N, C-alpha and C. Protein backbone atom coordinates (compact mmCIF):
# COMPACT_ATOMS: atom_id res chain seq x y z
N MET A 1 47.88 59.50 -60.37
CA MET A 1 47.58 60.85 -60.50
C MET A 1 46.74 62.21 -59.65
N PRO A 2 47.01 63.25 -58.89
CA PRO A 2 46.45 64.12 -57.78
C PRO A 2 45.41 65.22 -59.13
N SER A 3 44.04 65.44 -57.79
CA SER A 3 43.62 66.35 -58.75
C SER A 3 43.62 67.31 -59.59
N PRO A 4 43.31 67.92 -59.91
CA PRO A 4 43.77 69.36 -60.09
C PRO A 4 43.59 70.89 -59.67
N THR A 5 42.63 70.05 -58.13
CA THR A 5 43.15 71.11 -57.18
C THR A 5 43.91 71.35 -55.81
N HIS A 6 44.46 69.86 -56.16
CA HIS A 6 45.33 69.46 -55.14
C HIS A 6 47.12 70.30 -55.19
N ILE A 7 47.30 70.65 -54.33
CA ILE A 7 48.44 71.01 -53.74
C ILE A 7 49.66 69.82 -53.51
N PRO A 8 50.65 70.08 -53.80
CA PRO A 8 51.55 69.02 -53.54
C PRO A 8 52.51 69.29 -51.68
N GLY A 9 51.87 68.66 -51.06
CA GLY A 9 52.47 68.84 -49.54
C GLY A 9 51.57 69.67 -48.91
N GLU A 10 50.18 69.11 -49.40
CA GLU A 10 49.12 69.81 -48.23
C GLU A 10 48.18 68.98 -47.99
N LYS A 11 47.79 68.71 -47.41
CA LYS A 11 46.47 68.25 -46.86
C LYS A 11 44.89 68.11 -47.71
N SER A 12 44.27 67.39 -48.65
CA SER A 12 43.30 67.83 -48.82
C SER A 12 41.93 67.21 -47.98
N GLY A 13 41.30 68.38 -48.04
CA GLY A 13 40.21 67.91 -46.62
C GLY A 13 38.93 67.71 -47.50
N GLY A 14 38.78 67.77 -48.88
CA GLY A 14 38.11 67.89 -50.11
C GLY A 14 38.68 67.97 -51.52
N GLN A 15 37.30 67.61 -52.85
CA GLN A 15 37.67 67.68 -53.68
C GLN A 15 36.64 69.69 -53.76
N VAL A 16 37.07 70.33 -54.46
CA VAL A 16 36.57 71.80 -55.04
C VAL A 16 35.90 71.11 -56.17
N PHE A 17 35.28 71.61 -56.36
CA PHE A 17 34.30 72.31 -57.73
C PHE A 17 34.16 73.00 -58.38
N HIS A 18 34.36 74.15 -59.23
CA HIS A 18 34.36 74.76 -60.05
C HIS A 18 33.03 75.11 -60.89
N LEU A 19 31.95 76.19 -59.80
CA LEU A 19 30.55 76.08 -60.98
C LEU A 19 30.97 77.19 -61.65
N PRO A 20 30.93 76.96 -62.91
CA PRO A 20 30.25 78.04 -63.52
C PRO A 20 29.48 79.33 -63.16
N VAL A 21 30.10 80.38 -63.02
CA VAL A 21 29.40 81.81 -62.79
C VAL A 21 28.74 82.47 -63.61
N ARG A 22 27.73 82.76 -63.41
CA ARG A 22 26.30 83.71 -64.31
C ARG A 22 26.55 85.07 -64.64
N SER A 23 27.02 85.47 -65.23
CA SER A 23 27.64 87.06 -65.85
C SER A 23 26.04 88.06 -65.52
N LYS A 24 26.12 88.73 -65.10
CA LYS A 24 24.87 89.75 -64.42
C LYS A 24 24.58 90.54 -65.60
N THR A 25 23.21 89.96 -66.56
CA THR A 25 23.30 91.36 -68.23
C THR A 25 23.00 92.56 -67.88
N LEU A 26 23.16 93.42 -68.60
CA LEU A 26 22.47 94.94 -68.72
C LEU A 26 21.35 95.06 -69.84
N SER A 27 20.39 96.44 -69.83
CA SER A 27 19.32 96.48 -70.43
C SER A 27 20.58 97.17 -71.34
N ARG A 28 19.83 97.61 -72.35
CA ARG A 28 20.39 98.38 -73.66
C ARG A 28 20.70 99.23 -73.34
N ALA A 29 20.21 100.36 -72.37
CA ALA A 29 20.31 101.69 -71.45
C ALA A 29 22.12 101.20 -71.35
N GLU A 30 22.07 100.31 -69.73
CA GLU A 30 22.74 100.26 -69.02
C GLU A 30 24.32 99.57 -70.47
N ALA A 31 23.97 99.13 -71.19
CA ALA A 31 25.17 98.84 -72.55
C ALA A 31 25.26 99.64 -72.93
N ALA A 32 24.63 100.97 -72.82
CA ALA A 32 25.07 101.75 -73.70
C ALA A 32 25.43 102.86 -73.04
N ALA A 33 25.35 102.89 -72.08
CA ALA A 33 26.32 103.96 -70.53
C ALA A 33 27.98 103.27 -70.54
N HIS A 34 27.59 101.60 -70.98
CA HIS A 34 28.92 101.35 -69.96
C HIS A 34 29.84 101.43 -71.83
N LEU A 35 28.88 101.81 -72.86
CA LEU A 35 30.45 101.83 -74.16
C LEU A 35 30.20 103.36 -74.06
N ALA A 36 29.63 104.30 -73.44
CA ALA A 36 29.99 105.78 -73.59
C ALA A 36 29.42 105.92 -75.02
N LEU A 37 27.79 105.67 -75.08
CA LEU A 37 27.09 105.53 -76.69
C LEU A 37 26.46 106.16 -75.64
N PRO A 38 25.15 106.58 -76.72
CA PRO A 38 23.63 107.21 -76.80
C PRO A 38 22.15 105.77 -77.12
N GLU A 39 21.65 106.11 -76.35
CA GLU A 39 21.31 104.40 -76.54
C GLU A 39 20.45 104.65 -78.08
N ARG A 40 20.18 105.33 -78.14
CA ARG A 40 19.92 105.72 -80.05
C ARG A 40 20.83 104.66 -80.92
N ARG A 41 22.20 105.24 -80.72
CA ARG A 41 23.03 104.20 -81.55
C ARG A 41 23.08 103.02 -80.59
N MET A 42 23.02 102.03 -80.10
CA MET A 42 22.63 101.03 -79.80
C MET A 42 21.63 100.55 -80.52
N LYS A 43 20.53 100.72 -80.30
CA LYS A 43 19.18 100.99 -81.03
C LYS A 43 19.62 100.29 -82.38
N LEU A 44 20.06 101.59 -83.43
CA LEU A 44 20.66 100.92 -84.31
C LEU A 44 21.65 99.94 -84.82
N LEU A 45 22.73 100.18 -83.72
CA LEU A 45 23.44 98.96 -83.82
C LEU A 45 22.91 97.46 -84.48
N SER A 46 22.61 97.79 -83.21
CA SER A 46 21.19 96.06 -83.18
C SER A 46 20.41 95.92 -84.35
N LEU A 47 20.06 96.70 -84.64
CA LEU A 47 18.97 96.66 -86.03
C LEU A 47 19.95 96.34 -87.28
N LEU A 48 20.93 97.30 -87.61
CA LEU A 48 21.56 96.38 -88.13
C LEU A 48 22.63 95.17 -87.96
N GLY A 49 22.87 94.28 -87.83
CA GLY A 49 23.24 93.43 -87.05
C GLY A 49 24.50 93.20 -86.68
N THR A 50 24.78 94.36 -86.14
CA THR A 50 26.19 94.48 -85.97
C THR A 50 26.53 95.01 -84.22
N GLY A 51 27.65 95.42 -84.00
CA GLY A 51 27.76 96.26 -82.41
C GLY A 51 27.59 94.88 -81.30
N PRO A 52 27.78 94.86 -79.89
CA PRO A 52 28.13 93.82 -79.96
C PRO A 52 27.19 92.99 -79.83
N ALA A 53 27.76 91.25 -79.15
CA ALA A 53 26.61 90.44 -78.82
C ALA A 53 25.69 90.49 -77.94
N HIS A 54 24.44 90.27 -78.18
CA HIS A 54 22.98 90.43 -77.79
C HIS A 54 22.37 88.90 -77.46
N THR A 55 21.79 89.40 -76.25
CA THR A 55 20.59 87.96 -76.12
C THR A 55 19.26 88.22 -76.09
N GLN A 56 18.67 87.55 -75.77
CA GLN A 56 17.25 87.90 -75.34
C GLN A 56 17.23 87.55 -73.49
N GLY A 57 16.59 88.76 -72.89
CA GLY A 57 17.00 88.65 -71.39
C GLY A 57 15.89 87.62 -71.18
N PRO A 58 15.55 87.43 -69.10
CA PRO A 58 14.19 87.33 -68.85
C PRO A 58 13.15 87.65 -69.60
N ASP A 59 13.06 88.51 -69.38
CA ASP A 59 11.80 89.78 -69.70
C ASP A 59 11.73 89.67 -71.56
N GLY A 60 12.56 88.90 -71.96
CA GLY A 60 12.06 88.93 -73.85
C GLY A 60 13.04 90.47 -74.36
N ARG A 61 13.00 91.12 -73.66
CA ARG A 61 13.57 92.37 -74.39
C ARG A 61 15.47 92.11 -74.54
N ILE A 62 16.45 92.40 -74.92
CA ILE A 62 17.54 92.55 -75.30
C ILE A 62 18.41 93.13 -74.08
N ALA A 63 19.55 91.69 -74.05
CA ALA A 63 20.08 91.79 -73.05
C ALA A 63 21.88 92.08 -73.41
N TYR A 64 22.47 92.10 -72.96
CA TYR A 64 24.41 92.46 -73.46
C TYR A 64 25.16 92.21 -71.83
N ARG A 65 25.78 90.97 -71.79
CA ARG A 65 26.92 90.53 -71.57
C ARG A 65 27.90 91.42 -71.14
N ARG A 66 27.85 91.81 -70.08
CA ARG A 66 29.91 92.37 -69.72
C ARG A 66 30.54 91.84 -70.34
N GLU A 67 31.18 91.29 -70.81
CA GLU A 67 32.37 90.50 -71.54
C GLU A 67 32.38 90.46 -72.82
N ASP A 68 30.83 90.72 -73.08
CA ASP A 68 30.29 90.77 -74.98
C ASP A 68 30.55 92.41 -75.45
N LEU A 69 30.71 92.88 -74.31
CA LEU A 69 30.65 94.72 -74.38
C LEU A 69 32.43 94.68 -74.65
N GLU A 70 33.40 93.96 -73.38
CA GLU A 70 34.39 94.28 -73.73
C GLU A 70 35.06 93.82 -74.50
N LEU A 71 34.68 92.59 -75.27
CA LEU A 71 35.14 91.80 -76.23
C LEU A 71 35.24 93.13 -77.45
N TYR A 72 33.42 93.50 -77.61
CA TYR A 72 33.25 93.95 -78.55
C TYR A 72 34.07 95.67 -78.78
N LEU A 73 34.18 96.45 -77.38
CA LEU A 73 35.58 97.62 -76.92
C LEU A 73 36.60 96.96 -77.15
N THR A 74 37.08 95.82 -77.27
CA THR A 74 39.10 95.64 -77.88
C THR A 74 39.27 95.50 -79.29
N ALA A 75 38.26 95.32 -79.78
CA ALA A 75 38.30 94.70 -81.71
C ALA A 75 37.61 95.90 -81.99
N LEU A 76 37.09 96.78 -81.91
CA LEU A 76 36.91 98.34 -82.05
C LEU A 76 38.59 98.87 -82.23
N HIS A 77 39.04 98.96 -80.92
CA HIS A 77 40.20 99.54 -79.91
C HIS A 77 41.57 98.81 -81.62
N GLU A 78 41.37 97.72 -81.62
CA GLU A 78 41.89 96.95 -82.32
C GLU A 78 42.02 96.66 -84.18
N LYS A 79 40.68 97.39 -84.05
CA LYS A 79 40.38 97.93 -85.95
C LYS A 79 41.11 99.37 -85.78
N ALA A 80 41.05 99.90 -84.66
CA ALA A 80 41.42 101.66 -84.84
C ALA A 80 43.27 101.97 -83.94
N ASP A 81 44.43 100.56 -84.29
CA ASP A 81 45.61 100.61 -84.58
C ASP A 81 45.61 101.34 -83.10
N ILE A 82 44.69 100.92 -81.88
CA ILE A 82 45.24 101.65 -80.28
C ILE A 82 45.60 100.46 -79.82
N SER A 83 46.55 100.71 -78.67
CA SER A 83 47.26 99.86 -78.30
C SER A 83 46.16 99.20 -77.04
N GLY A 84 46.57 97.91 -76.56
CA GLY A 84 46.34 97.04 -75.27
C GLY A 84 46.05 98.93 -74.15
N THR A 85 47.63 98.89 -73.75
CA THR A 85 47.63 100.02 -72.27
C THR A 85 47.40 101.56 -72.87
N GLU A 86 46.84 101.60 -74.07
CA GLU A 86 45.65 103.33 -74.11
C GLU A 86 45.00 103.09 -74.28
N MET A 87 44.07 101.66 -74.48
CA MET A 87 43.16 101.47 -74.52
C MET A 87 42.27 101.33 -72.84
N THR A 88 43.05 100.72 -72.28
CA THR A 88 42.52 100.81 -70.95
C THR A 88 42.83 101.80 -69.99
N ARG A 89 44.23 102.88 -70.90
CA ARG A 89 44.60 104.35 -69.76
C ARG A 89 43.32 105.07 -70.16
N ARG A 90 42.60 105.18 -71.79
CA ARG A 90 41.21 105.61 -71.63
C ARG A 90 39.84 105.38 -71.06
N ARG A 91 39.41 103.94 -70.50
CA ARG A 91 39.05 103.67 -70.26
C ARG A 91 39.17 103.98 -68.93
N ALA A 92 39.73 103.60 -67.71
CA ALA A 92 40.13 104.12 -66.60
C ALA A 92 39.92 105.92 -66.43
N GLN A 93 40.37 106.42 -68.09
CA GLN A 93 40.00 108.26 -66.92
C GLN A 93 38.74 108.68 -67.44
N ALA A 94 37.64 107.49 -67.92
CA ALA A 94 36.14 107.45 -68.52
C ALA A 94 35.51 107.11 -67.11
N ALA A 95 36.21 106.33 -66.41
CA ALA A 95 35.16 105.30 -65.37
C ALA A 95 34.28 106.01 -64.98
N PRO A 96 34.82 107.17 -63.98
CA PRO A 96 33.74 108.09 -63.31
C PRO A 96 33.13 108.52 -63.94
N SER A 97 32.86 109.12 -65.46
CA SER A 97 31.65 109.38 -66.44
C SER A 97 30.36 108.27 -66.35
N ARG A 98 30.87 107.43 -66.79
CA ARG A 98 30.46 106.68 -67.68
C ARG A 98 29.58 105.52 -65.73
N GLN A 99 30.04 105.49 -64.65
CA GLN A 99 29.92 105.38 -63.19
C GLN A 99 28.69 105.34 -63.30
N ARG A 100 28.86 106.79 -63.27
CA ARG A 100 27.88 108.71 -63.26
C ARG A 100 26.22 107.68 -63.70
N ALA A 101 26.61 107.74 -65.64
CA ALA A 101 25.57 106.96 -66.62
C ALA A 101 25.28 106.09 -66.04
N LEU A 102 25.62 104.60 -65.63
CA LEU A 102 24.98 104.16 -65.22
C LEU A 102 24.36 104.25 -63.95
N GLU A 103 24.47 105.11 -62.90
CA GLU A 103 23.30 104.76 -62.09
C GLU A 103 22.27 105.69 -62.55
N LEU A 104 22.79 106.46 -63.41
CA LEU A 104 21.32 107.69 -63.87
C LEU A 104 20.24 106.60 -64.66
N VAL A 105 21.46 105.83 -65.10
CA VAL A 105 20.18 104.66 -66.18
C VAL A 105 19.34 104.18 -64.85
N GLN A 106 19.88 103.79 -64.15
CA GLN A 106 19.41 102.52 -63.55
C GLN A 106 18.65 103.93 -62.80
N ILE A 107 18.77 105.16 -62.02
CA ILE A 107 17.41 105.23 -61.57
C ILE A 107 16.27 106.27 -62.70
N ASN A 108 16.44 105.65 -63.78
CA ASN A 108 15.56 106.56 -64.63
C ASN A 108 15.48 107.87 -65.15
N SER A 109 16.70 108.22 -65.04
CA SER A 109 16.86 110.35 -65.17
C SER A 109 17.03 110.15 -66.25
N LYS A 110 16.82 110.96 -67.23
CA LYS A 110 16.77 111.36 -68.49
C LYS A 110 17.74 112.20 -68.96
N THR A 111 18.26 113.07 -67.14
CA THR A 111 18.87 114.27 -67.48
C THR A 111 20.84 114.14 -66.86
N GLY A 112 21.48 114.51 -66.99
CA GLY A 112 22.21 115.16 -66.34
C GLY A 112 23.71 113.92 -67.08
N PHE A 113 23.17 113.17 -68.14
CA PHE A 113 24.08 112.19 -69.23
C PHE A 113 25.40 112.49 -69.20
N PRO A 114 26.65 111.96 -69.24
CA PRO A 114 27.73 112.81 -70.27
C PRO A 114 27.99 112.60 -71.39
N ASP A 115 28.64 114.06 -72.59
CA ASP A 115 28.78 113.36 -73.61
C ASP A 115 29.33 112.17 -73.89
N PRO A 116 28.58 111.35 -75.44
CA PRO A 116 29.29 110.35 -75.74
C PRO A 116 30.85 110.19 -75.53
N ASP A 117 31.08 109.41 -75.73
CA ASP A 117 33.02 108.77 -75.73
C ASP A 117 32.92 109.39 -77.39
N PRO A 118 33.80 110.32 -77.83
CA PRO A 118 33.99 110.97 -79.23
C PRO A 118 34.50 109.23 -80.47
N PHE A 119 35.23 108.95 -79.61
CA PHE A 119 35.58 107.95 -80.59
C PHE A 119 35.05 106.47 -80.56
N MET A 120 34.28 106.68 -79.55
CA MET A 120 33.14 105.21 -80.10
C MET A 120 32.61 106.24 -80.51
N MET A 121 31.55 106.97 -80.91
CA MET A 121 31.02 107.65 -82.18
C MET A 121 31.47 107.65 -83.38
N LEU A 122 32.04 107.60 -83.36
CA LEU A 122 33.45 106.99 -84.57
C LEU A 122 32.95 105.93 -85.04
N ALA A 123 34.37 105.21 -83.79
CA ALA A 123 33.83 103.76 -84.62
C ALA A 123 32.93 102.87 -85.25
N THR A 124 31.80 102.96 -84.00
CA THR A 124 31.16 102.92 -84.53
C THR A 124 30.06 103.55 -85.58
N GLY A 125 29.98 104.17 -85.99
CA GLY A 125 29.60 104.97 -87.18
C GLY A 125 29.92 104.71 -88.46
N ALA A 126 31.68 104.62 -88.05
CA ALA A 126 32.16 103.70 -89.61
C ALA A 126 30.97 102.31 -89.90
N ASP A 127 31.40 101.39 -88.44
CA ASP A 127 30.64 100.36 -88.51
C ASP A 127 28.92 100.54 -88.97
N ALA A 128 28.38 100.89 -88.50
CA ALA A 128 26.99 101.14 -89.04
C ALA A 128 26.58 101.46 -90.72
N ARG A 129 28.25 102.82 -90.63
CA ARG A 129 27.73 102.73 -91.97
C ARG A 129 28.05 101.63 -92.67
N HIS A 130 28.62 100.43 -92.52
CA HIS A 130 29.51 100.01 -93.41
C HIS A 130 27.93 98.96 -93.49
N HIS A 131 27.58 97.92 -92.30
CA HIS A 131 26.44 97.47 -92.13
C HIS A 131 25.05 98.27 -93.16
N ALA A 132 24.98 99.17 -92.74
CA ALA A 132 23.93 99.65 -93.87
C ALA A 132 23.91 99.65 -95.26
N CYS A 133 24.96 100.48 -95.73
CA CYS A 133 24.90 99.95 -96.97
C CYS A 133 24.69 98.47 -97.72
N PHE A 134 25.40 97.39 -97.09
CA PHE A 134 24.84 96.55 -97.52
C PHE A 134 22.95 96.14 -97.33
N PHE A 135 22.76 97.19 -96.55
CA PHE A 135 20.64 96.40 -95.34
C PHE A 135 20.50 97.36 -96.98
N VAL A 136 20.86 98.83 -97.20
CA VAL A 136 19.92 99.55 -98.21
C VAL A 136 20.38 98.71 -99.46
N ILE A 137 21.56 97.92 -100.51
CA ILE A 137 21.87 97.43 -101.33
C ILE A 137 20.26 96.61 -101.59
N LYS A 138 20.36 95.04 -100.56
CA LYS A 138 19.41 94.35 -99.75
C LYS A 138 17.84 94.97 -101.13
N VAL A 139 17.56 95.79 -99.75
CA VAL A 139 16.34 96.49 -99.47
C VAL A 139 15.92 97.10 -101.02
N MET A 140 16.94 97.66 -101.56
CA MET A 140 16.95 97.85 -103.28
C MET A 140 16.98 96.42 -104.23
N ALA A 141 17.54 95.24 -104.16
CA ALA A 141 17.28 94.34 -104.95
C ALA A 141 16.25 94.59 -104.46
N LEU A 142 15.06 93.70 -103.42
CA LEU A 142 13.88 93.69 -103.28
C LEU A 142 12.73 94.23 -103.63
N PHE A 143 13.01 95.47 -103.30
CA PHE A 143 11.95 95.99 -104.51
C PHE A 143 11.69 95.79 -105.84
N GLY A 144 13.47 96.27 -106.44
CA GLY A 144 13.59 95.84 -107.82
C GLY A 144 12.61 94.80 -107.86
N LEU A 145 13.57 93.50 -107.14
CA LEU A 145 12.59 92.58 -107.75
C LEU A 145 10.83 91.88 -107.09
N ILE A 146 10.42 93.03 -106.73
CA ILE A 146 8.63 93.15 -106.91
C ILE A 146 8.28 93.79 -107.48
N MET A 147 9.00 94.47 -107.48
CA MET A 147 8.54 95.64 -108.86
C MET A 147 8.62 95.14 -110.40
N LEU A 148 9.94 94.51 -110.42
CA LEU A 148 9.55 93.45 -111.57
C LEU A 148 8.39 92.56 -112.10
N CYS A 149 8.64 92.01 -111.08
CA CYS A 149 7.61 90.99 -111.27
C CYS A 149 5.91 91.42 -110.94
N ILE A 150 5.30 92.40 -110.51
CA ILE A 150 4.00 93.32 -110.96
C ILE A 150 4.14 94.34 -111.26
N SER A 151 5.08 94.42 -112.42
CA SER A 151 4.92 95.45 -113.11
C SER A 151 3.84 94.90 -114.79
N SER A 152 3.53 95.82 -115.72
CA SER A 152 3.03 95.51 -116.27
C SER A 152 3.48 96.16 -117.87
N THR A 153 4.84 95.67 -117.78
CA THR A 153 5.33 96.78 -118.85
C THR A 153 4.77 96.48 -120.60
N PRO A 154 4.80 97.07 -121.86
CA PRO A 154 4.84 96.82 -122.30
C PRO A 154 5.50 96.05 -123.16
N LEU A 155 6.62 95.40 -122.52
CA LEU A 155 7.60 94.60 -123.39
C LEU A 155 6.79 93.26 -122.48
N LEU A 156 7.09 93.01 -122.04
CA LEU A 156 6.32 91.95 -120.74
C LEU A 156 4.40 91.22 -121.40
N ARG A 157 3.97 92.88 -121.73
CA ARG A 157 2.85 92.02 -122.37
C ARG A 157 3.28 91.58 -123.69
N ALA A 158 3.81 92.11 -124.92
CA ALA A 158 4.45 91.60 -126.07
C ALA A 158 4.80 90.42 -125.48
N HIS A 159 5.67 89.42 -124.56
CA HIS A 159 6.14 88.33 -124.52
C HIS A 159 5.07 87.27 -124.43
N PHE A 160 3.93 87.95 -123.69
CA PHE A 160 3.41 86.65 -122.85
C PHE A 160 1.76 86.40 -123.52
N ASN A 161 1.58 87.52 -124.34
CA ASN A 161 0.33 87.91 -125.21
C ASN A 161 0.28 86.38 -126.10
């Protein structure tokens, strides 16, 4: 059986090994520029446990892989029922401003950033509100449970005396 890299009819000089390619990770600011979002929105999304998948970088900070950012973009566009060709067209149209924002992040400039993408602000805002609602409900339930345990209401005094 021929090897997967062997082309029939040609002499094989050896076997080709395909090594996994390590993808470059982006910082939170670079990921925000890549998605055309403010960095605060990226912080909020990671705090709420939503947004693109992230990992720990070598320095202990949150890092994002480009593949994960693209998957997140695709998921947001599918949720909004926007076709892949329209998504590609919009991304190509915004590419120069995204590239400029990435360059500004890399030189640590805080001025001259392009405005965030309105679609991304709406889509991530809806995602953040959805997750924030559950976060608030969990906090309220925990607070209520704590108050129930530490309160000394007359009903509890009558029951346990």
